[in-house]
Amino acid sequence: MRVLTETLLIARDCFGLKPLYYSTNDLGIFFASEAKSILAVQNHDSGVDINAMWSYLKYRYVPMPNTMFSNIKKLYPGHTLTWDKENGHVIERFFQPGQTTPEQSRLLNHNNWTGPDQTFLKTGPTRPNWT
């Protein structure tokens, strides 16, 4: 039997190529690839986060999960956010760098390669002989 739930699952790509911003309030959860999209939602108050501003002035960036806005957060790369009305949101990691399956490890091991790839790894690039 399949039960319908009002649960949302969002995930950010493993390497963090695309940002994922989210915010929760009384109306629910909002998420987008740009913070300004969340700010455009009516009835969404988000002032400047003073701690984030000081971090920016000191380090020239705002460390995750914070943003310059007090009610908007950034999801870490390789993480999921699960949200429902009753319990709020839970953030979990689904990917960690260096995490490979045995098959991927076998393919990534350059000792198993054959042909020009293996020769290149052992000898490095060669200059053409122009004489």
N, C-alpha and C. Protein backbone atom coordinates (compact mmCIF):
# COMPACT_ATOMS: atom_id res chain seq x y z
N MET A 1 0.84 -1.17 0.00
CA MET A 1 0.00 0.00 0.00
C MET A 1 0.89 1.24 0.00
N ARG A 2 0.52 2.16 -0.82
CA ARG A 2 1.29 3.39 -0.94
C ARG A 2 0.55 4.53 -0.27
N VAL A 3 1.21 5.19 0.65
CA VAL A 3 0.57 6.28 1.38
C VAL A 3 1.12 7.60 0.84
N LEU A 4 0.21 8.53 0.58
CA LEU A 4 0.62 9.84 0.09
C LEU A 4 1.05 10.72 1.27
N THR A 5 2.21 11.30 1.18
CA THR A 5 2.67 12.20 2.24
C THR A 5 3.00 13.54 1.62
N GLU A 6 2.96 14.55 2.44
CA GLU A 6 3.33 15.89 1.99
C GLU A 6 4.77 16.14 2.37
N THR A 7 5.67 15.40 1.71
CA THR A 7 7.10 15.50 1.98
C THR A 7 7.81 15.95 0.72
N LEU A 8 8.79 16.82 0.88
CA LEU A 8 9.58 17.31 -0.25
C LEU A 8 11.03 16.91 -0.03
N LEU A 9 11.66 16.41 -1.07
CA LEU A 9 13.07 16.07 -1.03
C LEU A 9 13.78 16.87 -2.12
N ILE A 10 14.77 17.66 -1.72
CA ILE A 10 15.59 18.37 -2.71
C ILE A 10 17.04 17.99 -2.45
N ALA A 11 17.85 18.00 -3.49
CA ALA A 11 19.25 17.61 -3.37
C ALA A 11 20.12 18.55 -4.18
N ARG A 12 21.33 18.75 -3.70
CA ARG A 12 22.32 19.56 -4.42
C ARG A 12 23.34 18.63 -5.05
N ASP A 13 23.82 18.98 -6.23
CA ASP A 13 24.77 18.13 -6.93
C ASP A 13 26.03 17.89 -6.09
N CYS A 14 26.69 16.80 -6.37
CA CYS A 14 27.81 16.33 -5.54
C CYS A 14 28.96 17.30 -5.44
N PHE A 15 29.23 18.04 -6.51
CA PHE A 15 30.41 18.90 -6.54
C PHE A 15 30.10 20.37 -6.32
N GLY A 16 28.83 20.69 -6.13
CA GLY A 16 28.45 22.06 -5.83
C GLY A 16 28.56 23.00 -7.01
N LEU A 17 28.37 22.47 -8.22
CA LEU A 17 28.47 23.33 -9.40
C LEU A 17 27.33 24.34 -9.45
N LYS A 18 26.14 23.92 -9.06
CA LYS A 18 24.99 24.81 -9.03
C LYS A 18 24.58 25.04 -7.58
N PRO A 19 24.37 26.28 -7.18
CA PRO A 19 23.96 26.53 -5.79
C PRO A 19 22.50 26.14 -5.59
N LEU A 20 22.13 25.91 -4.34
CA LEU A 20 20.74 25.64 -3.99
C LEU A 20 20.44 26.37 -2.68
N TYR A 21 19.59 27.37 -2.79
CA TYR A 21 19.20 28.18 -1.64
C TYR A 21 17.83 27.73 -1.16
N TYR A 22 17.59 27.82 0.15
CA TYR A 22 16.28 27.46 0.67
C TYR A 22 15.93 28.36 1.85
N SER A 23 14.65 28.44 2.11
CA SER A 23 14.15 29.23 3.23
C SER A 23 12.84 28.63 3.68
N THR A 24 12.61 28.64 4.98
CA THR A 24 11.34 28.16 5.52
C THR A 24 10.69 29.26 6.33
N ASN A 25 9.37 29.31 6.28
CA ASN A 25 8.61 30.23 7.12
C ASN A 25 7.22 29.63 7.33
N ASP A 26 6.27 30.44 7.81
CA ASP A 26 4.92 29.95 8.10
C ASP A 26 4.20 29.44 6.85
N LEU A 27 4.55 29.97 5.70
CA LEU A 27 3.90 29.56 4.46
C LEU A 27 4.40 28.22 3.94
N GLY A 28 5.61 27.83 4.31
CA GLY A 28 6.18 26.57 3.83
C GLY A 28 7.66 26.71 3.56
N ILE A 29 8.10 26.03 2.51
CA ILE A 29 9.52 26.06 2.15
C ILE A 29 9.64 26.64 0.74
N PHE A 30 10.70 27.39 0.54
CA PHE A 30 10.99 27.97 -0.77
C PHE A 30 12.41 27.58 -1.12
N PHE A 31 12.65 27.22 -2.37
CA PHE A 31 14.01 26.89 -2.80
C PHE A 31 14.22 27.34 -4.23
N ALA A 32 15.47 27.69 -4.53
CA ALA A 32 15.81 28.18 -5.87
C ALA A 32 17.32 28.14 -6.04
N SER A 33 17.75 28.34 -7.27
CA SER A 33 19.19 28.36 -7.54
C SER A 33 19.79 29.75 -7.32
N GLU A 34 18.94 30.74 -7.05
CA GLU A 34 19.40 32.09 -6.75
C GLU A 34 18.62 32.63 -5.57
N ALA A 35 19.29 33.33 -4.68
CA ALA A 35 18.62 33.89 -3.50
C ALA A 35 17.58 34.93 -3.89
N LYS A 36 17.81 35.65 -4.97
CA LYS A 36 16.86 36.71 -5.36
C LYS A 36 15.51 36.14 -5.76
N SER A 37 15.47 34.89 -6.20
CA SER A 37 14.19 34.26 -6.53
C SER A 37 13.37 34.05 -5.27
N ILE A 38 14.01 33.70 -4.18
CA ILE A 38 13.30 33.53 -2.91
C ILE A 38 12.85 34.88 -2.37
N LEU A 39 13.68 35.89 -2.54
CA LEU A 39 13.32 37.23 -2.08
C LEU A 39 12.12 37.80 -2.84
N ALA A 40 11.91 37.33 -4.06
CA ALA A 40 10.81 37.83 -4.88
C ALA A 40 9.45 37.31 -4.42
N VAL A 41 9.44 36.28 -3.58
CA VAL A 41 8.17 35.73 -3.09
C VAL A 41 7.53 36.73 -2.14
N GLN A 42 6.22 36.96 -2.33
CA GLN A 42 5.53 37.91 -1.45
C GLN A 42 5.51 37.39 -0.02
N ASN A 43 5.45 38.27 0.93
CA ASN A 43 5.40 37.96 2.37
C ASN A 43 6.65 37.25 2.87
N HIS A 44 7.74 37.37 2.18
CA HIS A 44 8.97 36.73 2.65
C HIS A 44 9.89 37.81 3.19
N ASP A 45 10.03 37.85 4.53
CA ASP A 45 10.93 38.85 5.09
C ASP A 45 12.29 38.22 5.31
N SER A 46 13.26 38.88 4.83
CA SER A 46 14.62 38.43 5.04
C SER A 46 15.51 39.66 5.10
N GLY A 47 15.96 39.96 6.28
CA GLY A 47 16.86 41.09 6.46
C GLY A 47 18.29 40.65 6.25
N VAL A 48 19.20 41.56 6.43
CA VAL A 48 20.62 41.27 6.29
C VAL A 48 21.11 40.53 7.53
N ASP A 49 21.86 39.46 7.32
CA ASP A 49 22.46 38.70 8.42
C ASP A 49 23.77 39.40 8.80
N ILE A 50 23.79 40.00 9.99
CA ILE A 50 24.95 40.77 10.42
C ILE A 50 26.20 39.91 10.53
N ASN A 51 26.08 38.68 11.05
CA ASN A 51 27.24 37.79 11.16
C ASN A 51 27.79 37.43 9.79
N ALA A 52 26.91 37.21 8.83
CA ALA A 52 27.36 36.91 7.47
C ALA A 52 28.07 38.12 6.86
N MET A 53 27.56 39.30 7.15
CA MET A 53 28.20 40.51 6.63
C MET A 53 29.61 40.65 7.20
N TRP A 54 29.78 40.39 8.51
CA TRP A 54 31.11 40.47 9.11
C TRP A 54 32.04 39.40 8.52
N SER A 55 31.51 38.21 8.27
CA SER A 55 32.32 37.16 7.65
C SER A 55 32.78 37.60 6.27
N TYR A 56 31.87 38.23 5.54
CA TYR A 56 32.24 38.70 4.20
C TYR A 56 33.32 39.77 4.26
N LEU A 57 33.19 40.69 5.18
CA LEU A 57 34.19 41.76 5.30
C LEU A 57 35.54 41.21 5.76
N LYS A 58 35.53 40.18 6.58
CA LYS A 58 36.77 39.62 7.10
C LYS A 58 37.42 38.63 6.13
N TYR A 59 36.61 37.70 5.56
CA TYR A 59 37.16 36.62 4.73
C TYR A 59 36.91 36.79 3.23
N ARG A 60 36.09 37.79 2.88
CA ARG A 60 35.69 38.04 1.49
C ARG A 60 34.79 36.96 0.91
N TYR A 61 34.13 36.21 1.77
CA TYR A 61 33.08 35.28 1.37
C TYR A 61 32.23 34.96 2.59
N VAL A 62 31.06 34.40 2.35
CA VAL A 62 30.17 34.01 3.44
C VAL A 62 30.18 32.49 3.52
N PRO A 63 30.64 31.92 4.65
CA PRO A 63 30.70 30.46 4.76
C PRO A 63 29.30 29.83 4.73
N MET A 64 29.23 28.67 4.08
CA MET A 64 27.95 27.95 4.05
C MET A 64 27.65 27.40 5.43
N PRO A 65 26.42 27.25 5.77
CA PRO A 65 25.20 27.38 5.00
C PRO A 65 24.63 28.79 4.99
N ASN A 66 25.33 29.74 5.57
CA ASN A 66 24.80 31.10 5.67
C ASN A 66 24.85 31.82 4.32
N THR A 67 24.00 32.83 4.22
CA THR A 67 24.02 33.76 3.10
C THR A 67 23.96 35.17 3.69
N MET A 68 23.95 36.16 2.87
CA MET A 68 23.86 37.54 3.36
C MET A 68 22.46 37.85 3.91
N PHE A 69 21.50 36.94 3.69
CA PHE A 69 20.13 37.15 4.15
C PHE A 69 19.86 36.26 5.36
N SER A 70 19.18 36.80 6.36
CA SER A 70 19.02 36.09 7.63
C SER A 70 18.15 34.84 7.52
N ASN A 71 17.16 34.81 6.65
CA ASN A 71 16.26 33.66 6.57
C ASN A 71 16.53 32.76 5.37
N ILE A 72 17.61 32.98 4.65
CA ILE A 72 17.92 32.17 3.48
C ILE A 72 19.24 31.44 3.74
N LYS A 73 19.23 30.15 3.53
CA LYS A 73 20.42 29.31 3.74
C LYS A 73 20.80 28.65 2.42
N LYS A 74 22.03 28.15 2.39
CA LYS A 74 22.56 27.47 1.20
C LYS A 74 22.81 26.01 1.56
N LEU A 75 22.37 25.10 0.72
CA LEU A 75 22.55 23.67 0.97
C LEU A 75 23.96 23.26 0.55
N TYR A 76 24.63 22.46 1.40
CA TYR A 76 25.97 21.99 1.09
C TYR A 76 25.97 21.06 -0.13
N PRO A 77 27.06 21.02 -0.91
CA PRO A 77 27.16 20.06 -2.02
C PRO A 77 27.06 18.63 -1.49
N GLY A 78 26.37 17.77 -2.26
CA GLY A 78 26.24 16.37 -1.88
C GLY A 78 25.30 16.13 -0.72
N HIS A 79 24.39 17.06 -0.45
CA HIS A 79 23.45 16.93 0.66
C HIS A 79 22.01 16.97 0.15
N THR A 80 21.12 16.37 0.93
CA THR A 80 19.69 16.44 0.64
C THR A 80 18.99 17.18 1.77
N LEU A 81 17.86 17.76 1.44
CA LEU A 81 17.02 18.39 2.42
C LEU A 81 15.64 17.76 2.29
N THR A 82 15.14 17.17 3.37
CA THR A 82 13.80 16.60 3.39
C THR A 82 12.94 17.48 4.27
N TRP A 83 11.78 17.88 3.75
CA TRP A 83 10.90 18.81 4.48
C TRP A 83 9.49 18.27 4.50
N ASP A 84 8.84 18.39 5.64
CA ASP A 84 7.40 18.17 5.72
C ASP A 84 6.80 19.17 6.71
N LYS A 85 5.49 19.34 6.65
CA LYS A 85 4.82 20.38 7.45
C LYS A 85 4.98 20.17 8.95
N GLU A 86 4.89 18.92 9.40
CA GLU A 86 4.90 18.65 10.83
C GLU A 86 6.30 18.75 11.44
N ASN A 87 7.31 18.18 10.77
CA ASN A 87 8.64 18.05 11.37
C ASN A 87 9.65 19.09 10.92
N GLY A 88 9.30 19.93 9.98
CA GLY A 88 10.26 20.89 9.46
C GLY A 88 11.22 20.24 8.48
N HIS A 89 12.51 20.59 8.56
CA HIS A 89 13.45 20.05 7.58
C HIS A 89 14.60 19.31 8.25
N VAL A 90 15.11 18.32 7.51
CA VAL A 90 16.25 17.52 7.95
C VAL A 90 17.26 17.52 6.81
N ILE A 91 18.53 17.78 7.13
CA ILE A 91 19.59 17.80 6.12
C ILE A 91 20.49 16.59 6.34
N GLU A 92 20.76 15.85 5.26
CA GLU A 92 21.62 14.67 5.33
C GLU A 92 22.59 14.66 4.16
N ARG A 93 23.76 14.08 4.39
CA ARG A 93 24.75 13.96 3.32
C ARG A 93 24.47 12.67 2.54
N PHE A 94 24.51 12.75 1.20
CA PHE A 94 24.35 11.54 0.40
C PHE A 94 25.60 11.21 -0.40
N PHE A 95 26.57 12.12 -0.43
CA PHE A 95 27.80 11.89 -1.20
C PHE A 95 28.97 12.46 -0.45
N GLN A 96 30.07 11.74 -0.49
CA GLN A 96 31.31 12.22 0.12
C GLN A 96 32.43 12.01 -0.89
N PRO A 97 33.28 13.01 -1.15
CA PRO A 97 34.38 12.82 -2.10
C PRO A 97 35.23 11.61 -1.71
N GLY A 98 35.62 10.86 -2.70
CA GLY A 98 36.42 9.67 -2.47
C GLY A 98 35.58 8.43 -2.26
N GLN A 99 34.28 8.58 -2.25
CA GLN A 99 33.37 7.45 -2.04
C GLN A 99 33.13 6.79 -3.41
N THR A 100 33.67 5.59 -3.61
CA THR A 100 33.52 4.90 -4.88
C THR A 100 33.09 3.46 -4.65
N THR A 101 32.47 2.91 -5.66
CA THR A 101 32.11 1.49 -5.61
C THR A 101 33.33 0.68 -6.03
N PRO A 102 33.36 -0.64 -5.77
CA PRO A 102 34.50 -1.45 -6.21
C PRO A 102 34.73 -1.37 -7.72
N GLU A 103 33.66 -1.32 -8.50
CA GLU A 103 33.81 -1.22 -9.96
C GLU A 103 34.45 0.10 -10.36
N GLN A 104 34.03 1.21 -9.73
CA GLN A 104 34.63 2.51 -10.03
C GLN A 104 36.09 2.53 -9.61
N SER A 105 36.41 1.93 -8.49
CA SER A 105 37.81 1.87 -8.04
C SER A 105 38.67 1.12 -9.04
N ARG A 106 38.14 0.02 -9.59
CA ARG A 106 38.89 -0.76 -10.58
C ARG A 106 39.14 0.09 -11.82
N LEU A 107 38.13 0.84 -12.27
CA LEU A 107 38.29 1.67 -13.46
C LEU A 107 39.24 2.84 -13.22
N LEU A 108 39.25 3.39 -11.99
CA LEU A 108 40.10 4.53 -11.69
C LEU A 108 41.55 4.15 -11.43
N ASN A 109 41.82 2.88 -11.18
CA ASN A 109 43.18 2.43 -10.91
C ASN A 109 43.97 2.42 -12.22
N HIS A 110 44.92 3.32 -12.37
CA HIS A 110 45.64 3.45 -13.65
C HIS A 110 46.52 2.24 -13.94
N ASN A 111 46.80 1.40 -12.96
CA ASN A 111 47.60 0.19 -13.23
C ASN A 111 46.84 -0.80 -14.09
N ASN A 112 45.50 -0.69 -14.12
CA ASN A 112 44.69 -1.60 -14.92
C ASN A 112 44.50 -1.10 -16.35
N TRP A 113 44.93 0.13 -16.63
CA TRP A 113 44.74 0.67 -17.97
C TRP A 113 45.73 0.04 -18.93
N THR A 114 45.34 -0.02 -20.18
CA THR A 114 46.22 -0.54 -21.22
C THR A 114 46.27 0.47 -22.38
N GLY A 115 47.24 0.32 -23.20
CA GLY A 115 47.33 1.15 -24.39
C GLY A 115 47.95 2.50 -24.14
N PRO A 116 47.58 3.49 -24.97
CA PRO A 116 48.23 4.81 -24.92
C PRO A 116 48.03 5.53 -23.59
N ASP A 117 46.89 5.30 -22.91
CA ASP A 117 46.67 5.98 -21.63
C ASP A 117 47.73 5.56 -20.61
N GLN A 118 48.01 4.28 -20.54
CA GLN A 118 48.99 3.79 -19.57
C GLN A 118 50.39 4.29 -19.94
N THR A 119 50.72 4.28 -21.23
CA THR A 119 52.02 4.77 -21.68
C THR A 119 52.18 6.24 -21.32
N PHE A 120 51.12 7.04 -21.53
CA PHE A 120 51.18 8.46 -21.22
C PHE A 120 51.42 8.67 -19.73
N LEU A 121 50.74 7.90 -18.87
CA LEU A 121 50.91 8.05 -17.43
C LEU A 121 52.33 7.71 -16.99
N LYS A 122 52.94 6.72 -17.62
CA LYS A 122 54.28 6.30 -17.21
C LYS A 122 55.36 7.22 -17.74
N THR A 123 55.21 7.69 -18.99
CA THR A 123 56.27 8.46 -19.61
C THR A 123 56.00 9.95 -19.65
N GLY A 124 54.76 10.34 -19.58
CA GLY A 124 54.39 11.76 -19.69
C GLY A 124 54.30 12.16 -21.15
N PRO A 125 53.98 13.40 -21.41
CA PRO A 125 53.85 13.84 -22.80
C PRO A 125 55.20 13.84 -23.50
N THR A 126 55.17 13.58 -24.79
CA THR A 126 56.41 13.58 -25.57
C THR A 126 56.36 14.71 -26.59
N ARG A 127 57.53 15.25 -26.89
CA ARG A 127 57.63 16.29 -27.91
C ARG A 127 57.78 15.63 -29.27
N PRO A 128 57.18 16.20 -30.27
CA PRO A 128 57.36 15.64 -31.61
C PRO A 128 58.79 15.83 -32.08
N ASN A 129 59.28 14.93 -32.87
CA ASN A 129 60.63 15.01 -33.44
C ASN A 129 60.54 15.78 -34.73
N TRP A 130 61.00 17.03 -34.76
CA TRP A 130 60.87 17.89 -35.93
C TRP A 130 62.08 17.81 -36.87
N THR A 131 62.99 16.95 -36.59
CA THR A 131 64.19 16.90 -37.46
C THR A 131 63.97 16.04 -38.67
